[in-house]
Amino acid sequence: MSAETSDLLARCTFPPAETAVDCAVSGGPDSLALLVLAAEAGCRVTAWHVDHGLRPGSADEANVVAQAAARWGAAFEARTAHCQPGPNLEARARAARYEVLPPGVLTGHTADDQAETVLLNLIRGAGPDGLAGIDPARRPLLALRRHETQALCEAVGLEPVQDPSNLDPAHRRNRIRHELLPLLCDIAQRDVVPIIARSAGLMGGIRDLLDELAAAIDPTDAKAVAEAPEPLAQMALRRWIQQETDAEHPPDAAAIERVMAVVRNEARSTEIGAGWSVTRSSQRLGLQR
C-alpha cells in the first residue's frame, strides 16, 4: 500500500481484500481514485467504462480507463449507452448507464457529491429519502473530498478526463457546485460540505427508523393512514407508491401532501407525477395510471 493511499483508505468502506468488485470508472478523478483505492485495498477489481457518445472523442476516454486498469492489475470492460442531448440528460444518462453496468457496481461519489445531492433534493421538495442523500451502499469513497481524489490522481501520475459538461450552468447540479455551495461557505464562514454530509447521515438513520415503524401500516386503508402519526403515514405512502409504480425514487414531499389530502377526504384524487394518480373509494386508496 502506497503512502498516497493509506490515509485515504482508512476512511473508505471497501469490502475485505480478495473480494471481487466492479467499479464504474468514467475516467474522471473520482472514478479513477475509486479504481486505484479498490486495487490498493486488495480487491479483485473490474473497471467498467460506459461511453454515452455525447461529445467528440468520448470513445477515446475508454483508453484512459483501460490503461489505468492495466497499471493497477484490474480487469477492464467497455460498454456503450448512447444518449441524445435534450431535457433531463443527466437522469437519462444515469439510467442508461446502470442498464449496462453490472448489479452492485461501486461508484466514486464523494462527500461533495453528497452535499450537492442533498441541496438538489431540498430545492425540489424531497422528503426524508431525498434529504438523506446518496445511499452509502456501493459508495466506498463517500467520506472523501473531491480535492482528495484529484490530489491522489496527481500523486500517482494519472491524468483524469475533463468533462466539459461539469462546467455547463444549464445543469442545476453545476450551479449548486460552482455557485450555491461557495456562497453557503462564505455565509457560514466555514466549509459546509461536511456539515451537510453529516446531516444526511443523521436523516438516513431517522428515515430507516420511520421505515421500520411504517411497515405496520396498510397504506391502502385511508382510515389507518389518517390515524397514524403523520411522519409514519407519509412514509407508508411513499413506500407503497414507489413499489407499486416501480419508480426509481419515492414521491416528493409536495406530492405526499396532496395524497394526505385524499386520505383526509379533502379531495377524491390527486396526480403524483409520471402519469399516476392516487384515488379514494370509500376507505380504500388506489393507484391509477
C-alpha atoms as a PDB file:
ATOM      1  CA  MET A   1       0.000   0.000   0.000  1.00  0.00           C
ATOM      2  CA  SER A   2       1.426   3.390  -1.002  1.00  0.00           C
ATOM      3  CA  ALA A   3       1.725   6.414   1.249  1.00  0.00           C
ATOM      4  CA  GLU A   4      -0.654   8.292  -1.077  1.00  0.00           C
ATOM      5  CA  THR A   5      -3.468   5.818  -0.447  1.00  0.00           C
ATOM      6  CA  SER A   6      -3.089   4.561   3.133  1.00  0.00           C
ATOM      7  CA  ASP A   7      -4.650   7.604   4.832  1.00  0.00           C
ATOM      8  CA  LEU A   8      -7.497   7.719   2.320  1.00  0.00           C
ATOM      9  CA  LEU A   9      -8.236   4.002   2.617  1.00  0.00           C
ATOM     10  CA  ALA A  10      -8.740   4.390   6.368  1.00  0.00           C
ATOM     11  CA  ARG A  11     -11.847   6.459   5.549  1.00  0.00           C
ATOM     12  CA  CYS A  12     -13.143   4.214   2.763  1.00  0.00           C
ATOM     13  CA  THR A  13     -15.590   1.324   3.057  1.00  0.00           C
ATOM     14  CA  PHE A  14     -14.263  -1.278   0.645  1.00  0.00           C
ATOM     15  CA  PRO A  15     -15.035  -4.963   1.253  1.00  0.00           C
ATOM     16  CA  PRO A  16     -12.258  -7.281   2.519  1.00  0.00           C
ATOM     17  CA  ALA A  17      -9.179  -7.994   0.414  1.00  0.00           C
ATOM     18  CA  GLU A  18      -9.636 -10.569  -2.365  1.00  0.00           C
ATOM     19  CA  THR A  19     -13.306  -9.618  -2.761  1.00  0.00           C
ATOM     20  CA  ALA A  20     -14.297  -9.282  -6.422  1.00  0.00           C
ATOM     21  CA  VAL A  21     -15.684  -5.795  -7.067  1.00  0.00           C
ATOM     22  CA  ASP A  22     -16.984  -3.972 -10.127  1.00  0.00           C
ATOM     23  CA  CYS A  23     -16.141  -0.250 -10.343  1.00  0.00           C
ATOM     24  CA  ALA A  24     -17.813   2.296 -12.613  1.00  0.00           C
ATOM     25  CA  VAL A  25     -14.918   4.330 -13.999  1.00  0.00           C
ATOM     26  CA  SER A  26     -15.646   7.249 -16.311  1.00  0.00           C
ATOM     27  CA  GLY A  27     -12.056   8.466 -16.349  1.00  0.00           C
ATOM     28  CA  GLY A  28     -12.715  11.474 -14.111  1.00  0.00           C
ATOM     29  CA  PRO A  29     -10.696  11.981 -10.916  1.00  0.00           C
ATOM     30  CA  ASP A  30     -13.286  10.489  -8.544  1.00  0.00           C
ATOM     31  CA  SER A  31     -13.752   7.285 -10.512  1.00  0.00           C
ATOM     32  CA  LEU A  32     -10.032   6.864 -11.201  1.00  0.00           C
ATOM     33  CA  ALA A  33      -9.409   7.267  -7.466  1.00  0.00           C
ATOM     34  CA  LEU A  34     -12.063   4.592  -6.879  1.00  0.00           C
ATOM     35  CA  LEU A  35     -10.160   2.215  -9.160  1.00  0.00           C
ATOM     36  CA  VAL A  36      -6.803   2.945  -7.508  1.00  0.00           C
ATOM     37  CA  LEU A  37      -8.118   2.665  -3.954  1.00  0.00           C
ATOM     38  CA  ALA A  38     -10.084  -0.528  -4.641  1.00  0.00           C
ATOM     39  CA  ALA A  39      -6.932  -2.135  -6.026  1.00  0.00           C
ATOM     40  CA  GLU A  40      -4.813  -0.839  -3.131  1.00  0.00           C
ATOM     41  CA  ALA A  41      -7.391  -2.288  -0.721  1.00  0.00           C
ATOM     42  CA  GLY A  42      -6.604  -5.696  -2.184  1.00  0.00           C
ATOM     43  CA  CYS A  43      -9.873  -6.209  -4.012  1.00  0.00           C
ATOM     44  CA  ARG A  44     -10.039  -8.053  -7.334  1.00  0.00           C
ATOM     45  CA  VAL A  45     -11.221  -5.160  -9.473  1.00  0.00           C
ATOM     46  CA  THR A  46     -13.022  -4.948 -12.789  1.00  0.00           C
ATOM     47  CA  ALA A  47     -13.207  -1.403 -14.165  1.00  0.00           C
ATOM     48  CA  TRP A  48     -16.323  -0.678 -16.254  1.00  0.00           C
ATOM     49  CA  HIS A  49     -16.378   2.267 -18.640  1.00  0.00           C
ATOM     50  CA  VAL A  50     -19.583   3.459 -20.336  1.00  0.00           C
ATOM     51  CA  ASP A  51     -19.482   5.761 -23.374  1.00  0.00           C
ATOM     52  CA  HIS A  52     -22.639   7.850 -23.913  1.00  0.00           C
ATOM     53  CA  GLY A  53     -21.372   9.300 -27.200  1.00  0.00           C
ATOM     54  CA  LEU A  54     -22.258  12.822 -26.101  1.00  0.00           C
ATOM     55  CA  ARG A  55     -19.095  14.614 -27.226  1.00  0.00           C
ATOM     56  CA  PRO A  56     -16.393  14.175 -29.890  1.00  0.00           C
ATOM     57  CA  GLY A  57     -13.643  11.824 -28.830  1.00  0.00           C
ATOM     58  CA  SER A  58     -15.611  10.327 -25.949  1.00  0.00           C
ATOM     59  CA  ALA A  59     -14.797   6.816 -27.169  1.00  0.00           C
ATOM     60  CA  ASP A  60     -11.099   7.552 -26.608  1.00  0.00           C
ATOM     61  CA  GLU A  61     -11.731   8.100 -22.908  1.00  0.00           C
ATOM     62  CA  ALA A  62     -12.077   4.340 -22.535  1.00  0.00           C
ATOM     63  CA  ASN A  63      -8.352   4.111 -23.269  1.00  0.00           C
ATOM     64  CA  VAL A  64      -7.569   6.251 -20.205  1.00  0.00           C
ATOM     65  CA  VAL A  65      -9.524   3.820 -18.038  1.00  0.00           C
ATOM     66  CA  ALA A  66      -8.076   0.745 -19.738  1.00  0.00           C
ATOM     67  CA  GLN A  67      -4.516   1.962 -19.173  1.00  0.00           C
ATOM     68  CA  ALA A  68      -5.204   2.775 -15.510  1.00  0.00           C
ATOM     69  CA  ALA A  69      -6.836  -0.636 -15.022  1.00  0.00           C
ATOM     70  CA  ALA A  70      -3.828  -2.397 -16.533  1.00  0.00           C
ATOM     71  CA  ARG A  71      -1.447  -0.416 -14.333  1.00  0.00           C
ATOM     72  CA  TRP A  72      -3.272  -1.480 -11.162  1.00  0.00           C
ATOM     73  CA  GLY A  73      -3.867  -5.066 -12.236  1.00  0.00           C
ATOM     74  CA  ALA A  74      -7.600  -4.691 -12.786  1.00  0.00           C
ATOM     75  CA  ALA A  75      -9.752  -6.230 -15.483  1.00  0.00           C
ATOM     76  CA  PHE A  76     -11.451  -3.857 -17.939  1.00  0.00           C
ATOM     77  CA  GLU A  77     -14.851  -3.823 -19.625  1.00  0.00           C
ATOM     78  CA  ALA A  78     -16.196  -1.165 -22.017  1.00  0.00           C
ATOM     79  CA  ARG A  79     -19.825  -0.587 -22.910  1.00  0.00           C
ATOM     80  CA  THR A  80     -21.800   1.951 -24.952  1.00  0.00           C
ATOM     81  CA  ALA A  81     -25.112   3.505 -23.913  1.00  0.00           C
ATOM     82  CA  HIS A  82     -25.849   6.324 -26.325  1.00  0.00           C
ATOM     83  CA  CYS A  83     -27.951   9.273 -25.164  1.00  0.00           C
ATOM     84  CA  GLN A  84     -29.256  12.166 -27.206  1.00  0.00           C
ATOM     85  CA  PRO A  85     -28.830  15.734 -25.905  1.00  0.00           C
ATOM     86  CA  GLY A  86     -32.006  17.255 -24.506  1.00  0.00           C
ATOM     87  CA  PRO A  87     -34.070  17.654 -21.343  1.00  0.00           C
ATOM     88  CA  ASN A  88     -33.228  15.565 -18.267  1.00  0.00           C
ATOM     89  CA  LEU A  89     -29.952  14.495 -19.857  1.00  0.00           C
ATOM     90  CA  GLU A  90     -28.243  13.754 -16.537  1.00  0.00           C
ATOM     91  CA  ALA A  91     -31.068  11.473 -15.368  1.00  0.00           C
ATOM     92  CA  ARG A  92     -31.385   9.759 -18.747  1.00  0.00           C
ATOM     93  CA  ALA A  93     -27.647   9.136 -18.979  1.00  0.00           C
ATOM     94  CA  ARG A  94     -27.584   7.725 -15.452  1.00  0.00           C
ATOM     95  CA  ALA A  95     -30.461   5.350 -16.234  1.00  0.00           C
ATOM     96  CA  ALA A  96     -28.802   4.221 -19.474  1.00  0.00           C
ATOM     97  CA  ARG A  97     -25.506   3.729 -17.670  1.00  0.00           C
ATOM     98  CA  TYR A  98     -26.956   1.497 -14.994  1.00  0.00           C
ATOM     99  CA  GLU A  99     -28.699  -0.618 -17.619  1.00  0.00           C
ATOM    100  CA  VAL A 100     -25.317  -1.768 -18.967  1.00  0.00           C
ATOM    101  CA  LEU A 101     -23.367  -1.825 -15.690  1.00  0.00           C
ATOM    102  CA  PRO A 102     -23.392  -4.978 -13.537  1.00  0.00           C
ATOM    103  CA  PRO A 103     -25.582  -5.142 -10.420  1.00  0.00           C
ATOM    104  CA  GLY A 104     -23.824  -3.944  -7.293  1.00  0.00           C
ATOM    105  CA  VAL A 105     -21.293  -1.809  -9.168  1.00  0.00           C
ATOM    106  CA  LEU A 106     -19.295   0.586  -6.964  1.00  0.00           C
ATOM    107  CA  THR A 107     -19.255   4.293  -7.804  1.00  0.00           C
ATOM    108  CA  GLY A 108     -16.863   7.097  -6.887  1.00  0.00           C
ATOM    109  CA  HIS A 109     -19.265   9.511  -5.190  1.00  0.00           C
ATOM    110  CA  THR A 110     -17.617  11.754  -2.597  1.00  0.00           C
ATOM    111  CA  ALA A 111     -18.803  13.944   0.280  1.00  0.00           C
ATOM    112  CA  ASP A 112     -19.017  16.831  -2.191  1.00  0.00           C
ATOM    113  CA  ASP A 113     -21.443  14.813  -4.326  1.00  0.00           C
ATOM    114  CA  GLN A 114     -23.424  14.087  -1.177  1.00  0.00           C
ATOM    115  CA  ALA A 115     -23.762  17.766  -0.291  1.00  0.00           C
ATOM    116  CA  GLU A 116     -24.782  18.660  -3.859  1.00  0.00           C
ATOM    117  CA  THR A 117     -27.365  15.875  -3.929  1.00  0.00           C
ATOM    118  CA  VAL A 118     -28.931  16.913  -0.616  1.00  0.00           C
ATOM    119  CA  LEU A 119     -29.251  20.519  -1.818  1.00  0.00           C
ATOM    120  CA  LEU A 120     -30.703  19.392  -5.162  1.00  0.00           C
ATOM    121  CA  ASN A 121     -33.264  17.266  -3.357  1.00  0.00           C
ATOM    122  CA  LEU A 122     -34.042  20.043  -0.884  1.00  0.00           C
ATOM    123  CA  ILE A 123     -34.928  22.571  -3.581  1.00  0.00           C
ATOM    124  CA  ARG A 124     -37.174  20.105  -5.378  1.00  0.00           C
ATOM    125  CA  GLY A 125     -39.159  19.460  -2.196  1.00  0.00           C
ATOM    126  CA  ALA A 126     -37.967  15.951  -1.333  1.00  0.00           C
ATOM    127  CA  GLY A 127     -38.878  14.127   1.867  1.00  0.00           C
ATOM    128  CA  PRO A 128     -36.626  12.102   4.193  1.00  0.00           C
ATOM    129  CA  ASP A 129     -35.282   9.911   1.385  1.00  0.00           C
ATOM    130  CA  GLY A 130     -34.046  12.899  -0.575  1.00  0.00           C
ATOM    131  CA  LEU A 131     -32.646  14.677   2.474  1.00  0.00           C
ATOM    132  CA  ALA A 132     -30.737  11.506   3.393  1.00  0.00           C
ATOM    133  CA  GLY A 133     -28.897  11.997   0.109  1.00  0.00           C
ATOM    134  CA  ILE A 134     -26.817   9.296  -1.528  1.00  0.00           C
ATOM    135  CA  ASP A 135     -27.126   5.799  -0.091  1.00  0.00           C
ATOM    136  CA  PRO A 136     -23.678   4.865   1.243  1.00  0.00           C
ATOM    137  CA  ALA A 137     -24.073   1.299  -0.020  1.00  0.00           C
ATOM    138  CA  ARG A 138     -21.751   0.785  -3.006  1.00  0.00           C
ATOM    139  CA  ARG A 139     -20.163   4.244  -2.474  1.00  0.00           C
ATOM    140  CA  PRO A 140     -16.916   3.487  -0.646  1.00  0.00           C
ATOM    141  CA  LEU A 141     -15.479   7.000  -1.145  1.00  0.00           C
ATOM    142  CA  LEU A 142     -18.388   8.886   0.414  1.00  0.00           C
ATOM    143  CA  ALA A 143     -16.242  10.169   3.313  1.00  0.00           C
ATOM    144  CA  LEU A 144     -13.581  11.558   0.959  1.00  0.00           C
ATOM    145  CA  ARG A 145     -13.498  15.006  -0.626  1.00  0.00           C
ATOM    146  CA  ARG A 146     -13.232  15.807  -4.304  1.00  0.00           C
ATOM    147  CA  HIS A 147      -9.957  17.665  -3.816  1.00  0.00           C
ATOM    148  CA  GLU A 148      -8.539  14.490  -2.262  1.00  0.00           C
ATOM    149  CA  THR A 149      -9.394  12.312  -5.252  1.00  0.00           C
ATOM    150  CA  GLN A 150      -7.843  14.907  -7.553  1.00  0.00           C
ATOM    151  CA  ALA A 151      -4.714  15.051  -5.397  1.00  0.00           C
ATOM    152  CA  LEU A 152      -4.464  11.250  -5.430  1.00  0.00           C
ATOM    153  CA  CYS A 153      -4.560  11.165  -9.232  1.00  0.00           C
ATOM    154  CA  GLU A 154      -1.804  13.751  -9.373  1.00  0.00           C
ATOM    155  CA  ALA A 155       0.288  11.885  -6.796  1.00  0.00           C
ATOM    156  CA  VAL A 156       0.175   8.602  -8.725  1.00  0.00           C
ATOM    157  CA  GLY A 157       0.620  10.206 -12.151  1.00  0.00           C
ATOM    158  CA  LEU A 158      -2.860   9.770 -13.581  1.00  0.00           C
ATOM    159  CA  GLU A 159      -4.324  12.463 -15.842  1.00  0.00           C
ATOM    160  CA  PRO A 160      -8.108  12.338 -15.471  1.00  0.00           C
ATOM    161  CA  VAL A 161     -10.548  13.020 -18.288  1.00  0.00           C
ATOM    162  CA  GLN A 162     -12.017  16.516 -18.082  1.00  0.00           C
ATOM    163  CA  ASP A 163     -15.747  16.511 -18.832  1.00  0.00           C
ATOM    164  CA  PRO A 164     -16.768  19.995 -20.071  1.00  0.00           C
ATOM    165  CA  SER A 165     -20.397  19.302 -19.122  1.00  0.00           C
ATOM    166  CA  ASN A 166     -19.325  19.650 -15.472  1.00  0.00           C
ATOM    167  CA  LEU A 167     -18.982  23.404 -16.110  1.00  0.00           C
ATOM    168  CA  ASP A 168     -22.240  23.864 -18.022  1.00  0.00           C
ATOM    169  CA  PRO A 169     -24.634  26.062 -15.973  1.00  0.00           C
ATOM    170  CA  ALA A 170     -27.551  24.510 -17.854  1.00  0.00           C
ATOM    171  CA  HIS A 171     -27.241  21.611 -15.407  1.00  0.00           C
ATOM    172  CA  ARG A 172     -28.656  22.517 -11.995  1.00  0.00           C
ATOM    173  CA  ARG A 173     -26.064  20.433 -10.164  1.00  0.00           C
ATOM    174  CA  ASN A 174     -23.304  22.562 -11.691  1.00  0.00           C
ATOM    175  CA  ARG A 175     -24.877  25.767 -10.419  1.00  0.00           C
ATOM    176  CA  ILE A 176     -25.102  24.233  -6.945  1.00  0.00           C
ATOM    177  CA  ARG A 177     -21.455  23.124  -7.194  1.00  0.00           C
ATOM    178  CA  HIS A 178     -19.993  26.345  -8.560  1.00  0.00           C
ATOM    179  CA  GLU A 179     -22.393  28.989  -7.204  1.00  0.00           C
ATOM    180  CA  LEU A 180     -24.562  27.858  -4.283  1.00  0.00           C
ATOM    181  CA  LEU A 181     -22.060  25.860  -2.237  1.00  0.00           C
ATOM    182  CA  PRO A 182     -19.351  28.550  -2.401  1.00  0.00           C
ATOM    183  CA  LEU A 183     -21.967  31.121  -1.339  1.00  0.00           C
ATOM    184  CA  LEU A 184     -23.092  28.965   1.587  1.00  0.00           C
ATOM    185  CA  CYS A 185     -19.474  28.521   2.675  1.00  0.00           C
ATOM    186  CA  ASP A 186     -18.983  32.283   2.501  1.00  0.00           C
ATOM    187  CA  ILE A 187     -22.117  32.971   4.543  1.00  0.00           C
ATOM    188  CA  ALA A 188     -21.248  30.327   7.140  1.00  0.00           C
ATOM    189  CA  GLN A 189     -17.576  31.315   7.157  1.00  0.00           C
ATOM    190  CA  ARG A 190     -16.710  27.622   7.097  1.00  0.00           C
ATOM    191  CA  ASP A 191     -16.751  24.592   4.815  1.00  0.00           C
ATOM    192  CA  VAL A 192     -20.394  23.453   4.808  1.00  0.00           C
ATOM    193  CA  VAL A 193     -19.869  20.221   2.849  1.00  0.00           C
ATOM    194  CA  PRO A 194     -19.033  18.095   5.950  1.00  0.00           C
ATOM    195  CA  ILE A 195     -21.985  19.662   7.793  1.00  0.00           C
ATOM    196  CA  ILE A 196     -24.453  18.802   5.035  1.00  0.00           C
ATOM    197  CA  ALA A 197     -22.993  15.308   4.648  1.00  0.00           C
ATOM    198  CA  ARG A 198     -23.282  14.700   8.399  1.00  0.00           C
ATOM    199  CA  SER A 199     -26.901  15.889   8.365  1.00  0.00           C
ATOM    200  CA  ALA A 200     -27.609  13.482   5.521  1.00  0.00           C
ATOM    201  CA  GLY A 201     -26.266  10.605   7.609  1.00  0.00           C
ATOM    202  CA  LEU A 202     -28.472  11.597  10.547  1.00  0.00           C
ATOM    203  CA  MET A 203     -31.510  11.876   8.276  1.00  0.00           C
ATOM    204  CA  GLY A 204     -30.742   8.444   6.839  1.00  0.00           C
ATOM    205  CA  GLY A 205     -30.969   6.941  10.328  1.00  0.00           C
ATOM    206  CA  ILE A 206     -34.271   8.700  11.003  1.00  0.00           C
ATOM    207  CA  ARG A 207     -35.598   7.536   7.647  1.00  0.00           C
ATOM    208  CA  ASP A 208     -34.673   3.925   8.373  1.00  0.00           C
ATOM    209  CA  LEU A 209     -36.454   4.042  11.749  1.00  0.00           C
ATOM    210  CA  LEU A 210     -39.569   5.557  10.183  1.00  0.00           C
ATOM    211  CA  ASP A 211     -39.437   2.884   7.503  1.00  0.00           C
ATOM    212  CA  GLU A 212     -39.411   0.130  10.096  1.00  0.00           C
ATOM    213  CA  LEU A 213     -42.314   1.617  12.075  1.00  0.00           C
ATOM    214  CA  ALA A 214     -44.346   2.448   8.958  1.00  0.00           C
ATOM    215  CA  ALA A 215     -44.258  -1.175   7.799  1.00  0.00           C
ATOM    216  CA  ALA A 216     -47.125  -1.901  10.240  1.00  0.00           C
ATOM    217  CA  ILE A 217     -49.494   0.486   8.401  1.00  0.00           C
ATOM    218  CA  ASP A 218     -51.680  -0.632   5.483  1.00  0.00           C
ATOM    219  CA  PRO A 219     -51.173   2.263   3.040  1.00  0.00           C
ATOM    220  CA  THR A 220     -54.355   1.447   1.126  1.00  0.00           C
ATOM    221  CA  ASP A 221     -56.518   1.836   4.273  1.00  0.00           C
ATOM    222  CA  ALA A 222     -57.331   5.551   4.414  1.00  0.00           C
ATOM    223  CA  LYS A 223     -58.619   5.298   7.992  1.00  0.00           C
ATOM    224  CA  ALA A 224     -55.454   3.558   9.204  1.00  0.00           C
ATOM    225  CA  VAL A 225     -53.251   6.094   7.432  1.00  0.00           C
ATOM    226  CA  ALA A 226     -55.247   9.044   8.810  1.00  0.00           C
ATOM    227  CA  GLU A 227     -55.000   7.722  12.376  1.00  0.00           C
ATOM    228  CA  ALA A 228     -51.249   7.092  12.219  1.00  0.00           C
ATOM    229  CA  PRO A 229     -48.736   9.769  13.262  1.00  0.00           C
ATOM    230  CA  GLU A 230     -48.226  11.871  10.155  1.00  0.00           C
ATOM    231  CA  PRO A 231     -44.497  11.089   9.648  1.00  0.00           C
ATOM    232  CA  LEU A 232     -45.300   7.360   9.684  1.00  0.00           C
ATOM    233  CA  ALA A 233     -48.330   7.833   7.446  1.00  0.00           C
ATOM    234  CA  GLN A 234     -46.254   9.754   4.913  1.00  0.00           C
ATOM    235  CA  MET A 235     -43.509   7.127   4.955  1.00  0.00           C
ATOM    236  CA  ALA A 236     -46.038   4.316   4.419  1.00  0.00           C
ATOM    237  CA  LEU A 237     -47.479   6.194   1.439  1.00  0.00           C
ATOM    238  CA  ARG A 238     -44.028   6.860  -0.044  1.00  0.00           C
ATOM    239  CA  ARG A 239     -43.036   3.221   0.099  1.00  0.00           C
ATOM    240  CA  TRP A 240     -46.369   1.997  -1.284  1.00  0.00           C
ATOM    241  CA  ILE A 241     -46.346   4.422  -4.207  1.00  0.00           C
ATOM    242  CA  GLN A 242     -42.711   3.785  -5.052  1.00  0.00           C
ATOM    243  CA  GLN A 243     -43.142  -0.004  -5.024  1.00  0.00           C
ATOM    244  CA  GLU A 244     -46.428  -0.056  -6.929  1.00  0.00           C
ATOM    245  CA  THR A 245     -45.274   2.353  -9.639  1.00  0.00           C
ATOM    246  CA  ASP A 246     -41.783   0.813  -9.857  1.00  0.00           C
ATOM    247  CA  ALA A 247     -40.311   4.312  -9.593  1.00  0.00           C
ATOM    248  CA  GLU A 248     -36.607   4.930  -9.079  1.00  0.00           C
ATOM    249  CA  HIS A 249     -37.360   7.481  -6.358  1.00  0.00           C
ATOM    250  CA  PRO A 250     -40.284   7.920  -3.942  1.00  0.00           C
ATOM    251  CA  PRO A 251     -42.693  10.838  -4.480  1.00  0.00           C
ATOM    252  CA  ASP A 252     -41.527  14.230  -3.263  1.00  0.00           C
ATOM    253  CA  ALA A 253     -42.931  15.972  -0.199  1.00  0.00           C
ATOM    254  CA  ALA A 254     -45.392  18.083  -2.208  1.00  0.00           C
ATOM    255  CA  ALA A 255     -46.927  15.003  -3.845  1.00  0.00           C
ATOM    256  CA  ILE A 256     -47.297  13.262  -0.481  1.00  0.00           C
ATOM    257  CA  GLU A 257     -49.017  16.342   0.956  1.00  0.00           C
ATOM    258  CA  ARG A 258     -51.567  16.092  -1.852  1.00  0.00           C
ATOM    259  CA  VAL A 259     -52.069  12.386  -1.150  1.00  0.00           C
ATOM    260  CA  MET A 260     -52.649  13.182   2.528  1.00  0.00           C
ATOM    261  CA  ALA A 261     -55.494  15.480   1.420  1.00  0.00           C
ATOM    262  CA  VAL A 262     -57.047  12.453  -0.297  1.00  0.00           C
ATOM    263  CA  VAL A 263     -56.521  10.412   2.870  1.00  0.00           C
ATOM    264  CA  ARG A 264     -58.380  13.083   4.876  1.00  0.00           C
ATOM    265  CA  ASN A 265     -61.189  13.040   2.283  1.00  0.00           C
ATOM    266  CA  GLU A 266     -60.448  16.639   1.322  1.00  0.00           C
ATOM    267  CA  ALA A 267     -60.004  15.512  -2.295  1.00  0.00           C
ATOM    268  CA  ARG A 268     -61.147  12.468  -4.250  1.00  0.00           C
ATOM    269  CA  SER A 269     -57.876  12.022  -6.163  1.00  0.00           C
ATOM    270  CA  THR A 270     -54.575  13.678  -6.914  1.00  0.00           C
ATOM    271  CA  GLU A 271     -51.848  13.388  -9.531  1.00  0.00           C
ATOM    272  CA  ILE A 272     -48.456  12.303  -8.219  1.00  0.00           C
ATOM    273  CA  GLY A 273     -46.389  12.506 -11.410  1.00  0.00           C
ATOM    274  CA  ALA A 274     -45.306  10.169 -14.219  1.00  0.00           C
ATOM    275  CA  GLY A 275     -48.946   9.751 -15.229  1.00  0.00           C
ATOM    276  CA  TRP A 276     -50.047   8.231 -11.906  1.00  0.00           C
ATOM    277  CA  SER A 277     -52.889   9.327  -9.616  1.00  0.00           C
ATOM    278  CA  VAL A 278     -53.936   8.284  -6.135  1.00  0.00           C
ATOM    279  CA  THR A 279     -57.695   7.830  -5.797  1.00  0.00           C
ATOM    280  CA  ARG A 280     -60.046   7.097  -2.909  1.00  0.00           C
ATOM    281  CA  SER A 281     -63.122   4.892  -2.956  1.00  0.00           C
ATOM    282  CA  SER A 282     -64.872   4.628   0.395  1.00  0.00           C
ATOM    283  CA  GLN A 283     -61.988   3.914   2.785  1.00  0.00           C
ATOM    284  CA  ARG A 284     -59.610   2.419   0.226  1.00  0.00           C
ATOM    285  CA  LEU A 285     -56.782   4.185  -1.585  1.00  0.00           C
ATOM    286  CA  GLY A 286     -55.767   3.054  -5.050  1.00  0.00           C
ATOM    287  CA  LEU A 287     -53.343   3.925  -7.817  1.00  0.00           C
ATOM    288  CA  GLN A 288     -54.412   4.643 -11.380  1.00  0.00           C
ATOM    289  CA  ARG A 289     -52.383   5.376 -14.494  1.00  0.00           C
END
